[in-house]
């Protein structure tokens, strides 16, 4: 008679997978968020304007460039979040003007920034999401 013992490690494995998912997703959304902040802080080549109510000049963005950073309100409005199971994450804002900038309007050329951040980090995000447990 042989002694065979079956051990159910499902709960332990499920917990480890969830922790891995959360870690990988958080690293992925932080990577995109950091790239977005870099994109929103770079120099621009558009027209020069006075900051309203001051004599200080700033350079606006040209069509096709990321938005200029006059007050940093747009950058401050972006957030990132990872869903509790770690299966999905979000980088975005509820600021309607961000969508107008990203896609353009009938009166303004698009100023892509979020899509650019996703494009630039796509390979890194894929690698991060494919990592196994530590």
Protein backbone atom coordinates (compact mmCIF):
# COMPACT_ATOMS: atom_id res chain seq x y z
CA UNK A 1 0.00 0.00 0.00
CA UNK A 2 1.45 3.35 -1.03
CA UNK A 3 0.93 6.55 0.80
CA UNK A 4 -0.23 9.22 -1.61
CA UNK A 5 -1.08 12.61 -0.27
CA UNK A 6 -2.81 15.30 -2.31
CA UNK A 7 -2.23 18.89 -1.29
CA UNK A 8 -4.43 21.68 -2.58
CA UNK A 9 -2.28 24.78 -3.12
CA UNK A 10 -4.91 26.61 -5.14
CA UNK A 11 -5.48 29.36 -2.57
CA UNK A 12 -1.76 29.99 -2.17
CA UNK A 13 -1.18 30.08 -5.94
CA UNK A 14 -4.20 32.34 -6.51
CA UNK A 15 -2.94 34.76 -3.87
CA UNK A 16 0.54 34.80 -5.41
CA UNK A 17 -0.89 35.39 -8.89
CA UNK A 18 -3.01 38.29 -7.63
CA UNK A 19 0.02 39.86 -5.93
CA UNK A 20 2.06 39.43 -9.12
CA UNK A 21 -0.72 40.95 -11.23
CA UNK A 22 -1.00 43.96 -8.91
CA UNK A 23 2.74 44.55 -8.84
CA UNK A 24 3.13 44.21 -12.61
CA UNK A 25 0.11 46.36 -13.39
CA UNK A 26 1.19 49.05 -10.95
CA UNK A 27 4.67 49.13 -12.48
CA UNK A 28 3.09 49.34 -15.95
CA UNK A 29 0.74 52.24 -15.17
CA UNK A 30 3.51 54.10 -13.32
CA UNK A 31 5.74 53.69 -16.40
CA UNK A 32 3.05 55.23 -18.62
CA UNK A 33 2.31 57.98 -16.08
CA UNK A 34 5.98 58.97 -15.76
CA UNK A 35 6.36 59.12 -19.54
CA UNK A 36 3.23 61.28 -19.74
CA UNK A 37 4.67 63.71 -17.18
CA UNK A 38 7.89 63.92 -19.24
CA UNK A 39 5.89 64.60 -22.40
CA UNK A 40 3.88 67.33 -20.68
CA UNK A 41 7.00 69.09 -19.38
CA UNK A 42 9.11 69.41 -22.52
CA UNK A 43 9.74 72.53 -24.63
CA UNK A 44 7.30 73.66 -27.33
CA UNK A 45 7.58 75.56 -30.61
CA UNK A 46 4.26 77.40 -30.89
CA UNK A 47 3.47 81.09 -30.61
CA UNK A 48 4.61 83.22 -27.72
CA UNK A 49 1.89 84.61 -25.40
CA UNK A 50 1.73 86.66 -22.25
CA UNK A 51 0.45 84.81 -19.21
CA UNK A 52 -2.91 86.53 -18.58
CA UNK A 53 -2.63 89.37 -16.10
CA UNK A 54 1.18 89.40 -16.19
CA UNK A 55 4.07 90.52 -18.37
CA UNK A 56 5.54 87.01 -18.35
CA UNK A 57 5.84 85.24 -21.72
CA UNK A 58 5.28 81.56 -22.35
CA UNK A 59 5.52 79.48 -25.51
CA UNK A 60 2.39 77.62 -26.58
CA UNK A 61 2.42 74.28 -28.34
CA UNK A 62 2.11 73.98 -32.10
CA UNK A 63 -0.40 71.61 -33.67
CA UNK A 64 0.80 68.02 -33.34
CA UNK A 65 2.96 68.77 -30.28
CA UNK A 66 2.04 67.88 -26.73
CA UNK A 67 0.26 70.71 -24.89
CA UNK A 68 2.39 73.49 -23.43
CA UNK A 69 2.65 73.62 -19.66
CA UNK A 70 1.61 77.12 -18.62
CA UNK A 71 0.00 76.37 -15.24
CA UNK A 72 0.60 72.59 -14.94
CA UNK A 73 -3.13 72.12 -14.25
CA UNK A 74 -3.42 69.53 -17.02
CA UNK A 75 -0.51 67.48 -15.70
CA UNK A 76 -1.84 67.68 -12.14
CA UNK A 77 -5.23 66.41 -13.29
CA UNK A 78 -3.83 63.06 -14.49
CA UNK A 79 -4.03 60.07 -12.14
CA UNK A 80 -3.26 56.38 -12.29
CA UNK A 81 -5.06 53.54 -10.61
CA UNK A 82 -4.88 49.75 -10.46
CA UNK A 83 -8.04 47.71 -9.98
CA UNK A 84 -7.92 45.61 -6.75
CA UNK A 85 -7.30 42.28 -8.51
CA UNK A 86 -4.53 43.83 -10.59
CA UNK A 87 -6.17 42.75 -13.85
CA UNK A 88 -6.43 46.25 -15.24
CA UNK A 89 -5.04 49.69 -14.65
CA UNK A 90 -5.89 53.19 -15.77
CA UNK A 91 -3.92 56.33 -16.56
CA UNK A 92 -6.22 59.24 -17.28
CA UNK A 93 -8.07 62.35 -16.25
CA UNK A 94 -11.65 63.57 -15.98
CA UNK A 95 -10.54 66.91 -17.42
CA UNK A 96 -12.61 67.38 -20.61
CA UNK A 97 -10.04 69.79 -22.00
CA UNK A 98 -7.48 66.95 -22.00
CA UNK A 99 -9.61 65.08 -24.55
CA UNK A 100 -9.96 68.25 -26.64
CA UNK A 101 -6.18 68.59 -26.61
CA UNK A 102 -5.57 64.90 -27.35
CA UNK A 103 -7.98 64.65 -30.29
CA UNK A 104 -8.30 68.26 -31.40
CA UNK A 105 -11.47 70.20 -32.08
CA UNK A 106 -12.91 72.04 -35.05
CA UNK A 107 -10.93 75.09 -33.90
CA UNK A 108 -7.74 73.47 -32.62
CA UNK A 109 -5.28 70.94 -34.01
CA UNK A 110 -4.72 67.88 -31.87
CA UNK A 111 -2.01 67.94 -29.21
CA UNK A 112 -1.43 64.21 -28.57
CA UNK A 113 0.11 63.44 -25.22
CA UNK A 114 -1.58 60.45 -23.54
CA UNK A 115 -1.57 58.36 -26.73
CA UNK A 116 2.08 59.31 -27.23
CA UNK A 117 2.92 58.12 -23.70
CA UNK A 118 1.21 54.77 -24.37
CA UNK A 119 2.98 54.37 -27.72
CA UNK A 120 6.41 55.17 -26.28
CA UNK A 121 6.02 52.75 -23.37
CA UNK A 122 4.23 49.89 -25.16
CA UNK A 123 7.23 47.55 -25.24
CA UNK A 124 8.16 48.25 -21.62
CA UNK A 125 4.55 47.74 -20.50
CA UNK A 126 4.36 44.39 -22.32
CA UNK A 127 7.57 43.25 -20.59
CA UNK A 128 6.31 44.38 -17.19
CA UNK A 129 2.98 42.61 -17.58
CA UNK A 130 4.68 39.39 -18.67
CA UNK A 131 6.90 39.15 -15.55
CA UNK A 132 6.42 36.20 -13.29
CA UNK A 133 6.32 36.16 -9.49
CA UNK A 134 9.32 37.39 -7.54
